C-alpha atoms as a PDB file:
ATOM      1  CA  MET A   1      26.700 152.625 147.304  1.00  0.00           C
ATOM      2  CA  GLN A   2      23.710 150.735 145.195  1.00  0.00           C
ATOM      3  CA  ILE A   3      24.129 151.057 141.642  1.00  0.00           C
ATOM      4  CA  ILE A   4      20.677 151.458 139.858  1.00  0.00           C
ATOM      5  CA  ALA A   5      20.859 151.116 136.215  1.00  0.00           C
ATOM      6  CA  CYS A   6      17.739 152.433 133.674  1.00  0.00           C
ATOM      7  CA  TYR A   7      18.547 150.265 130.687  1.00  0.00           C
ATOM      8  CA  SER A   8      16.291 149.185 127.823  1.00  0.00           C
ATOM      9  CA  ASN A   9      17.896 147.584 124.609  1.00  0.00           C
ATOM     10  CA  LYS A  10      15.210 149.694 122.475  1.00  0.00           C
ATOM     11  CA  GLY A  11      15.126 153.347 122.112  1.00  0.00           C
ATOM     12  CA  GLY A  12      12.006 156.076 123.156  1.00  0.00           C
ATOM     13  CA  VAL A  13      10.873 153.823 126.024  1.00  0.00           C
ATOM     14  CA  GLY A  14      11.308 156.690 128.470  1.00  0.00           C
ATOM     15  CA  LYS A  15      14.510 155.527 129.905  1.00  0.00           C
ATOM     16  CA  THR A  16      16.280 158.929 130.521  1.00  0.00           C
ATOM     17  CA  ALA A  17      12.675 160.356 132.162  1.00  0.00           C
ATOM     18  CA  THR A  18      13.218 157.513 134.322  1.00  0.00           C
ATOM     19  CA  ALA A  19      16.669 157.668 135.340  1.00  0.00           C
ATOM     20  CA  VAL A  20      16.299 161.628 135.806  1.00  0.00           C
ATOM     21  CA  ASN A  21      12.885 160.964 138.074  1.00  0.00           C
ATOM     22  CA  LEU A  22      14.351 158.239 139.989  1.00  0.00           C
ATOM     23  CA  ALA A  23      17.726 160.064 141.053  1.00  0.00           C
ATOM     24  CA  TYR A  24      15.718 163.005 141.989  1.00  0.00           C
ATOM     25  CA  ALA A  25      13.455 160.842 144.295  1.00  0.00           C
ATOM     26  CA  PHE A  26      16.399 159.254 145.733  1.00  0.00           C
ATOM     27  CA  ALA A  27      18.231 162.447 146.473  1.00  0.00           C
ATOM     28  CA  ALA A  28      14.897 163.633 147.778  1.00  0.00           C
ATOM     29  CA  SER A  29      14.815 161.052 150.180  1.00  0.00           C
ATOM     30  CA  GLY A  30      18.209 162.171 151.736  1.00  0.00           C
ATOM     31  CA  ARG A  31      20.550 159.587 149.961  1.00  0.00           C
ATOM     32  CA  ARG A  32      23.381 161.282 148.067  1.00  0.00           C
ATOM     33  CA  THR A  33      23.078 160.223 144.591  1.00  0.00           C
ATOM     34  CA  LEU A  34      25.134 160.679 141.323  1.00  0.00           C
ATOM     35  CA  LEU A  35      23.389 160.316 138.220  1.00  0.00           C
ATOM     36  CA  CYS A  36      25.949 159.101 135.635  1.00  0.00           C
ATOM     37  CA  ASP A  37      25.087 159.827 132.313  1.00  0.00           C
ATOM     38  CA  LEU A  38      26.451 156.904 129.927  1.00  0.00           C
ATOM     39  CA  ASP A  39      24.600 157.818 126.613  1.00  0.00           C
ATOM     40  CA  PRO A  40      26.588 160.407 124.224  1.00  0.00           C
ATOM     41  CA  GLN A  41      23.048 161.795 123.527  1.00  0.00           C
ATOM     42  CA  GLY A  42      23.456 163.298 126.923  1.00  0.00           C
ATOM     43  CA  ALA A  43      20.110 164.016 127.713  1.00  0.00           C
ATOM     44  CA  SER A  44      20.236 163.855 131.173  1.00  0.00           C
ATOM     45  CA  GLY A  45      22.884 166.337 131.627  1.00  0.00           C
ATOM     46  CA  PHE A  46      20.435 168.731 129.465  1.00  0.00           C
ATOM     47  CA  TYR A  47      17.295 168.133 131.812  1.00  0.00           C
ATOM     48  CA  PHE A  48      19.334 169.513 134.707  1.00  0.00           C
ATOM     49  CA  ARG A  49      20.959 172.195 132.550  1.00  0.00           C
ATOM     50  CA  VAL A  50      24.575 171.210 133.165  1.00  0.00           C
ATOM     51  CA  ASN A  51      27.556 171.083 130.883  1.00  0.00           C
ATOM     52  CA  PRO A  52      29.719 168.289 130.358  1.00  0.00           C
ATOM     53  CA  SER A  53      33.217 168.293 131.111  1.00  0.00           C
ATOM     54  CA  LYS A  54      35.187 168.752 127.698  1.00  0.00           C
ATOM     55  CA  LYS A  55      38.185 166.915 129.517  1.00  0.00           C
ATOM     56  CA  LEU A  56      36.794 163.560 130.370  1.00  0.00           C
ATOM     57  CA  VAL A  57      37.438 162.006 127.011  1.00  0.00           C
ATOM     58  CA  ASP A  58      38.351 158.719 125.292  1.00  0.00           C
ATOM     59  CA  ALA A  59      39.264 156.196 127.732  1.00  0.00           C
ATOM     60  CA  GLN A  60      39.938 158.790 130.562  1.00  0.00           C
ATOM     61  CA  PHE A  61      36.082 157.934 131.972  1.00  0.00           C
ATOM     62  CA  PHE A  62      37.772 153.927 133.177  1.00  0.00           C
ATOM     63  CA  GLU A  63      41.212 155.113 133.807  1.00  0.00           C
ATOM     64  CA  ASP A  64      41.557 158.330 135.446  1.00  0.00           C
ATOM     65  CA  ASP A  65      39.769 158.778 138.709  1.00  0.00           C
ATOM     66  CA  GLU A  66      40.802 162.446 138.962  1.00  0.00           C
ATOM     67  CA  ARG A  67      39.288 163.497 135.513  1.00  0.00           C
ATOM     68  CA  PHE A  68      36.357 161.346 136.356  1.00  0.00           C
ATOM     69  CA  ILE A  69      35.726 163.166 139.917  1.00  0.00           C
ATOM     70  CA  LYS A  70      36.149 166.694 138.220  1.00  0.00           C
ATOM     71  CA  ALA A  71      34.102 166.176 135.703  1.00  0.00           C
ATOM     72  CA  ILE A  72      31.153 165.991 138.148  1.00  0.00           C
ATOM     73  CA  ARG A  73      28.650 168.497 138.502  1.00  0.00           C
ATOM     74  CA  GLY A  74      26.276 170.166 141.003  1.00  0.00           C
ATOM     75  CA  SER A  75      22.701 170.538 140.526  1.00  0.00           C
ATOM     76  CA  ASP A  76      19.984 172.666 141.668  1.00  0.00           C
ATOM     77  CA  TYR A  77      18.853 170.030 144.167  1.00  0.00           C
ATOM     78  CA  ASP A  78      19.923 169.100 147.545  1.00  0.00           C
ATOM     79  CA  ASN A  79      22.145 165.520 147.294  1.00  0.00           C
ATOM     80  CA  LEU A  80      22.061 165.035 143.665  1.00  0.00           C
ATOM     81  CA  ASP A  81      24.965 165.608 141.364  1.00  0.00           C
ATOM     82  CA  ILE A  82      25.243 164.828 137.977  1.00  0.00           C
ATOM     83  CA  LEU A  83      28.327 163.234 135.693  1.00  0.00           C
ATOM     84  CA  PRO A  84      27.036 164.699 131.871  1.00  0.00           C
ATOM     85  CA  ALA A  85      27.624 162.514 128.975  1.00  0.00           C
ATOM     86  CA  ASN A  86      29.823 164.412 126.257  1.00  0.00           C
ATOM     87  CA  MET A  87      30.439 162.949 122.601  1.00  0.00           C
ATOM     88  CA  SER A  88      33.545 161.051 123.095  1.00  0.00           C
ATOM     89  CA  PHE A  89      31.364 158.389 125.275  1.00  0.00           C
ATOM     90  CA  ARG A  90      30.331 156.932 122.064  1.00  0.00           C
ATOM     91  CA  ASP A  91      33.692 155.396 121.797  1.00  0.00           C
ATOM     92  CA  PHE A  92      33.324 153.685 125.090  1.00  0.00           C
ATOM     93  CA  ASP A  93      32.615 150.075 123.699  1.00  0.00           C
ATOM     94  CA  VAL A  94      36.293 150.476 121.484  1.00  0.00           C
ATOM     95  CA  PHE A  95      37.563 151.449 124.242  1.00  0.00           C
ATOM     96  CA  LEU A  96      36.458 148.937 126.568  1.00  0.00           C
ATOM     97  CA  SER A  97      37.252 146.001 124.039  1.00  0.00           C
ATOM     98  CA  ARG A  98      40.700 146.903 124.377  1.00  0.00           C
ATOM     99  CA  MET A  99      40.728 146.887 127.637  1.00  0.00           C
ATOM    100  CA  LYS A 100      42.049 144.179 130.386  1.00  0.00           C
ATOM    101  CA  ASN A 101      39.212 142.786 132.061  1.00  0.00           C
ATOM    102  CA  GLY A 102      36.847 145.017 129.548  1.00  0.00           C
ATOM    103  CA  GLN A 103      33.533 143.447 131.434  1.00  0.00           C
ATOM    104  CA  SER A 104      34.273 145.057 134.690  1.00  0.00           C
ATOM    105  CA  ARG A 105      35.984 148.477 134.172  1.00  0.00           C
ATOM    106  CA  LEU A 106      32.548 150.298 134.643  1.00  0.00           C
ATOM    107  CA  LYS A 107      32.071 148.785 138.133  1.00  0.00           C
ATOM    108  CA  LYS A 108      36.080 149.731 138.614  1.00  0.00           C
ATOM    109  CA  ALA A 109      35.453 153.271 137.687  1.00  0.00           C
ATOM    110  CA  LEU A 110      32.775 154.015 139.884  1.00  0.00           C
ATOM    111  CA  LYS A 111      34.654 152.571 142.944  1.00  0.00           C
ATOM    112  CA  ALA A 112      36.265 156.486 142.773  1.00  0.00           C
ATOM    113  CA  VAL A 113      33.385 157.752 144.097  1.00  0.00           C
ATOM    114  CA  LYS A 114      31.981 154.709 146.326  1.00  0.00           C
ATOM    115  CA  SER A 115      32.576 156.766 149.656  1.00  0.00           C
ATOM    116  CA  ASP A 116      30.678 160.096 148.276  1.00  0.00           C
ATOM    117  CA  TYR A 117      27.323 158.467 147.513  1.00  0.00           C
ATOM    118  CA  ASP A 118      24.753 156.172 148.648  1.00  0.00           C
ATOM    119  CA  VAL A 119      23.235 155.759 145.000  1.00  0.00           C
ATOM    120  CA  VAL A 120      24.445 156.042 141.716  1.00  0.00           C
ATOM    121  CA  VAL A 121      21.718 155.961 138.685  1.00  0.00           C
ATOM    122  CA  LEU A 122      22.771 155.181 135.217  1.00  0.00           C
ATOM    123  CA  ASP A 123      21.284 156.389 132.355  1.00  0.00           C
ATOM    124  CA  CYS A 124      22.371 153.926 129.765  1.00  0.00           C
ATOM    125  CA  PRO A 125      22.453 153.975 125.495  1.00  0.00           C
ATOM    126  CA  PRO A 126      20.022 151.741 123.930  1.00  0.00           C
ATOM    127  CA  ASN A 127      21.764 148.897 122.830  1.00  0.00           C
ATOM    128  CA  ILE A 128      23.619 145.659 123.785  1.00  0.00           C
ATOM    129  CA  SER A 129      27.064 146.184 123.552  1.00  0.00           C
ATOM    130  CA  MET A 130      30.381 145.957 125.578  1.00  0.00           C
ATOM    131  CA  LEU A 131      28.986 148.682 127.577  1.00  0.00           C
ATOM    132  CA  SER A 132      25.757 147.429 128.658  1.00  0.00           C
ATOM    133  CA  GLU A 133      27.575 144.128 129.767  1.00  0.00           C
ATOM    134  CA  ASN A 134      29.643 146.561 131.815  1.00  0.00           C
ATOM    135  CA  VAL A 135      26.613 147.872 133.280  1.00  0.00           C
ATOM    136  CA  PHE A 136      24.954 144.289 133.902  1.00  0.00           C
ATOM    137  CA  HIS A 137      27.864 143.542 135.596  1.00  0.00           C
ATOM    138  CA  ALA A 138      27.822 146.587 137.920  1.00  0.00           C
ATOM    139  CA  ALA A 139      24.218 147.333 138.871  1.00  0.00           C
ATOM    140  CA  ASP A 140      22.416 145.900 141.531  1.00  0.00           C
ATOM    141  CA  ALA A 141      19.677 146.456 139.845  1.00  0.00           C
ATOM    142  CA  VAL A 142      18.446 146.884 135.841  1.00  0.00           C
ATOM    143  CA  VAL A 143      15.340 148.929 136.024  1.00  0.00           C
ATOM    144  CA  VAL A 144      13.763 148.386 132.328  1.00  0.00           C
ATOM    145  CA  PRO A 145      11.172 150.578 130.916  1.00  0.00           C
ATOM    146  CA  VAL A 146       8.673 148.488 128.254  1.00  0.00           C
ATOM    147  CA  ILE A 147       5.941 149.812 126.304  1.00  0.00           C
ATOM    148  CA  PRO A 148       3.646 147.527 125.748  1.00  0.00           C
ATOM    149  CA  THR A 149       3.700 146.779 122.407  1.00  0.00           C
ATOM    150  CA  THR A 150       4.648 143.765 120.537  1.00  0.00           C
ATOM    151  CA  LEU A 151       8.242 145.293 119.434  1.00  0.00           C
ATOM    152  CA  SER A 152       9.045 146.409 123.262  1.00  0.00           C
ATOM    153  CA  ARG A 153       7.852 142.927 124.260  1.00  0.00           C
ATOM    154  CA  ARG A 154      10.453 141.483 121.706  1.00  0.00           C
ATOM    155  CA  THR A 155      13.491 143.416 122.839  1.00  0.00           C
ATOM    156  CA  PHE A 156      12.747 142.757 126.732  1.00  0.00           C
ATOM    157  CA  GLU A 157      12.792 139.335 125.732  1.00  0.00           C
ATOM    158  CA  GLN A 158      16.188 139.336 123.934  1.00  0.00           C
ATOM    159  CA  LEU A 159      17.427 140.998 127.222  1.00  0.00           C
ATOM    160  CA  LEU A 160      16.163 138.183 129.263  1.00  0.00           C
ATOM    161  CA  GLU A 161      17.730 135.886 126.897  1.00  0.00           C
ATOM    162  CA  PHE A 162      20.950 137.596 126.924  1.00  0.00           C
ATOM    163  CA  PHE A 163      21.140 137.342 130.351  1.00  0.00           C
ATOM    164  CA  GLN A 164      20.495 133.909 130.718  1.00  0.00           C
ATOM    165  CA  ALA A 165      23.061 133.240 127.793  1.00  0.00           C
ATOM    166  CA  ALA A 166      25.918 135.507 129.946  1.00  0.00           C
ATOM    167  CA  ASP A 167      24.745 133.479 133.013  1.00  0.00           C
ATOM    168  CA  LEU A 168      23.801 136.998 134.661  1.00  0.00           C
ATOM    169  CA  PRO A 169      21.184 137.243 137.462  1.00  0.00           C
ATOM    170  CA  GLU A 170      17.719 137.693 135.996  1.00  0.00           C
ATOM    171  CA  THR A 171      16.399 138.971 139.635  1.00  0.00           C
ATOM    172  CA  ARG A 172      18.389 142.295 138.753  1.00  0.00           C
ATOM    173  CA  ILE A 173      16.024 142.880 136.045  1.00  0.00           C
ATOM    174  CA  HIS A 174      12.907 145.169 137.346  1.00  0.00           C
ATOM    175  CA  ALA A 175      10.894 145.890 134.615  1.00  0.00           C
ATOM    176  CA  PHE A 176       7.699 148.599 134.354  1.00  0.00           C
ATOM    177  CA  PHE A 177       5.415 149.545 131.910  1.00  0.00           C
ATOM    178  CA  SER A 178       5.981 152.979 130.309  1.00  0.00           C
ATOM    179  CA  MET A 179       4.320 155.610 128.045  1.00  0.00           C
ATOM    180  CA  VAL A 180       0.958 153.367 128.707  1.00  0.00           C
ATOM    181  CA  GLN A 181      -2.281 154.565 126.982  1.00  0.00           C
ATOM    182  CA  ASN A 182      -4.899 152.858 128.846  1.00  0.00           C
ATOM    183  CA  ILE A 183      -7.515 153.866 125.901  1.00  0.00           C
ATOM    184  CA  LYS A 184      -5.377 151.433 123.723  1.00  0.00           C
ATOM    185  CA  SER A 185      -6.615 147.423 123.601  1.00  0.00           C
ATOM    186  CA  LEU A 186      -3.276 146.386 122.790  1.00  0.00           C
ATOM    187  CA  HIS A 187      -1.768 148.027 125.632  1.00  0.00           C
ATOM    188  CA  GLY A 188      -3.836 146.327 128.134  1.00  0.00           C
ATOM    189  CA  GLU A 189      -3.643 142.957 126.489  1.00  0.00           C
ATOM    190  CA  THR A 190       0.119 143.105 126.216  1.00  0.00           C
ATOM    191  CA  ILE A 191       0.148 144.088 129.845  1.00  0.00           C
ATOM    192  CA  ALA A 192      -1.798 141.125 130.869  1.00  0.00           C
ATOM    193  CA  GLU A 193      -0.153 138.739 128.801  1.00  0.00           C
ATOM    194  CA  MET A 194       3.746 140.123 129.782  1.00  0.00           C
ATOM    195  CA  THR A 195       2.631 140.019 133.651  1.00  0.00           C
ATOM    196  CA  GLU A 196       1.276 136.479 133.278  1.00  0.00           C
ATOM    197  CA  ALA A 197       4.532 135.342 131.127  1.00  0.00           C
ATOM    198  CA  HIS A 198       6.954 136.818 133.942  1.00  0.00           C
ATOM    199  CA  PRO A 199       5.906 136.725 137.265  1.00  0.00           C
ATOM    200  CA  GLY A 200       7.052 139.109 139.315  1.00  0.00           C
ATOM    201  CA  ARG A 201       9.366 140.928 136.576  1.00  0.00           C
ATOM    202  CA  PHE A 202       7.304 143.812 136.603  1.00  0.00           C
ATOM    203  CA  THR A 203       6.430 146.436 139.201  1.00  0.00           C
ATOM    204  CA  GLN A 204       2.703 147.002 139.733  1.00  0.00           C
ATOM    205  CA  THR A 205       3.674 151.114 138.886  1.00  0.00           C
ATOM    206  CA  THR A 206       2.784 151.916 135.574  1.00  0.00           C
ATOM    207  CA  ILE A 207       4.047 155.159 133.886  1.00  0.00           C
ATOM    208  CA  PRO A 208       1.175 156.902 131.712  1.00  0.00           C
ATOM    209  CA  PHE A 209       1.821 158.353 128.539  1.00  0.00           C
ATOM    210  CA  ALA A 210       1.609 161.861 129.398  1.00  0.00           C
ATOM    211  CA  SER A 211       2.263 165.627 128.457  1.00  0.00           C
ATOM    212  CA  ASP A 212       3.817 166.632 131.513  1.00  0.00           C
ATOM    213  CA  ILE A 213       6.861 164.031 130.812  1.00  0.00           C
ATOM    214  CA  GLU A 214       6.862 165.576 127.257  1.00  0.00           C
ATOM    215  CA  ARG A 215       7.347 168.853 128.963  1.00  0.00           C
ATOM    216  CA  MET A 216      10.436 167.838 130.845  1.00  0.00           C
ATOM    217  CA  GLY A 217      12.545 169.236 127.635  1.00  0.00           C
ATOM    218  CA  LEU A 218      10.580 172.278 128.038  1.00  0.00           C
ATOM    219  CA  THR A 219      10.993 172.703 131.663  1.00  0.00           C
ATOM    220  CA  ARG A 220      14.645 171.374 132.244  1.00  0.00           C
ATOM    221  CA  ALA A 221      13.335 169.498 135.614  1.00  0.00           C
ATOM    222  CA  PRO A 222      12.019 166.211 136.734  1.00  0.00           C
ATOM    223  CA  VAL A 223       8.478 165.557 136.616  1.00  0.00           C
ATOM    224  CA  LEU A 224       8.705 164.999 139.993  1.00  0.00           C
ATOM    225  CA  ALA A 225       9.879 168.481 140.697  1.00  0.00           C
ATOM    226  CA  THR A 226       7.811 170.385 138.219  1.00  0.00           C
ATOM    227  CA  ALA A 227       4.466 168.331 138.794  1.00  0.00           C
ATOM    228  CA  PRO A 228       4.863 166.443 141.628  1.00  0.00           C
ATOM    229  CA  GLY A 229       0.793 166.171 142.062  1.00  0.00           C
ATOM    230  CA  SER A 230       0.196 165.023 138.445  1.00  0.00           C
ATOM    231  CA  ARG A 231      -0.712 161.715 137.206  1.00  0.00           C
ATOM    232  CA  ALA A 232       2.781 161.228 135.693  1.00  0.00           C
ATOM    233  CA  GLY A 233       4.813 162.713 139.586  1.00  0.00           C
ATOM    234  CA  LYS A 234       2.232 160.532 141.238  1.00  0.00           C
ATOM    235  CA  ALA A 235       3.391 157.261 139.089  1.00  0.00           C
ATOM    236  CA  TYR A 236       7.251 158.152 139.264  1.00  0.00           C
ATOM    237  CA  GLN A 237       7.027 158.424 143.185  1.00  0.00           C
ATOM    238  CA  ALA A 238       5.350 155.357 143.264  1.00  0.00           C
ATOM    239  CA  LEU A 239       7.805 153.417 140.738  1.00  0.00           C
ATOM    240  CA  PHE A 240      10.528 155.001 143.100  1.00  0.00           C
ATOM    241  CA  GLU A 241       9.044 153.221 146.101  1.00  0.00           C
ATOM    242  CA  GLU A 242       8.488 150.049 144.690  1.00  0.00           C
ATOM    243  CA  ILE A 243      12.047 149.934 143.125  1.00  0.00           C
ATOM    244  CA  LEU A 244      13.479 151.018 146.596  1.00  0.00           C
ATOM    245  CA  GLY A 245      11.250 148.350 148.100  1.00  0.00           C
ATOM    246  CA  ARG A 246      12.626 145.698 146.175  1.00  0.00           C
ATOM    247  CA  THR A 247      16.496 146.577 145.993  1.00  0.00           C
ATOM    248  CA  GLN A 248      16.634 147.476 149.782  1.00  0.00           C
ATOM    249  CA  THR A 249      18.990 144.870 151.665  1.00  0.00           C
END
């Protein structure tokens, strides 16, 4: 079972849209896929029209395999299940800090579904915390959307510094430029500078700033399902194929 985390320590960069579309693409490729929403805002579950379990609360996510499995919901798409978040997930850092081997509890929890799925896609909350440390230890790949702006550049470099300080393998980080507007010279300049500064770290694929992505909140479905031939749909499919090529073993 491969674990793909969609993560950014900055909010509003297209992380959940990426998780939703990558999970859909993995499932459409025939892989049994679980999209696990770790963000208490629950946007991934919202996009797939599923309601969270009210019984998977407090530390049960990490300690109770049976409740963890019962909280998984089916979706409208073949091979794709969802573990939606609820508001109790906001306390994950508190629970993890109290647990023995707190940095590896997420990986241990996901072992409960190891035989049921080929891929788990994690939609992560935007911060560097005990939970995100769990994500970094559990994930085979960390997919990072970066808007080509000064602040996003800064937070991306903070993430790299964290990996270095924690002795985590930076090779797990696969970044891509998100919400790109070619009309903006700053975007073009930042993409060129960051690509040169971090060779091989960024995918060739960029995700455009597009209304089809914003409309996911209305359609409550991945762009790849509603508008696969659109510019955004084609970009997400290309991103999926590039991530797949980078992470296949």
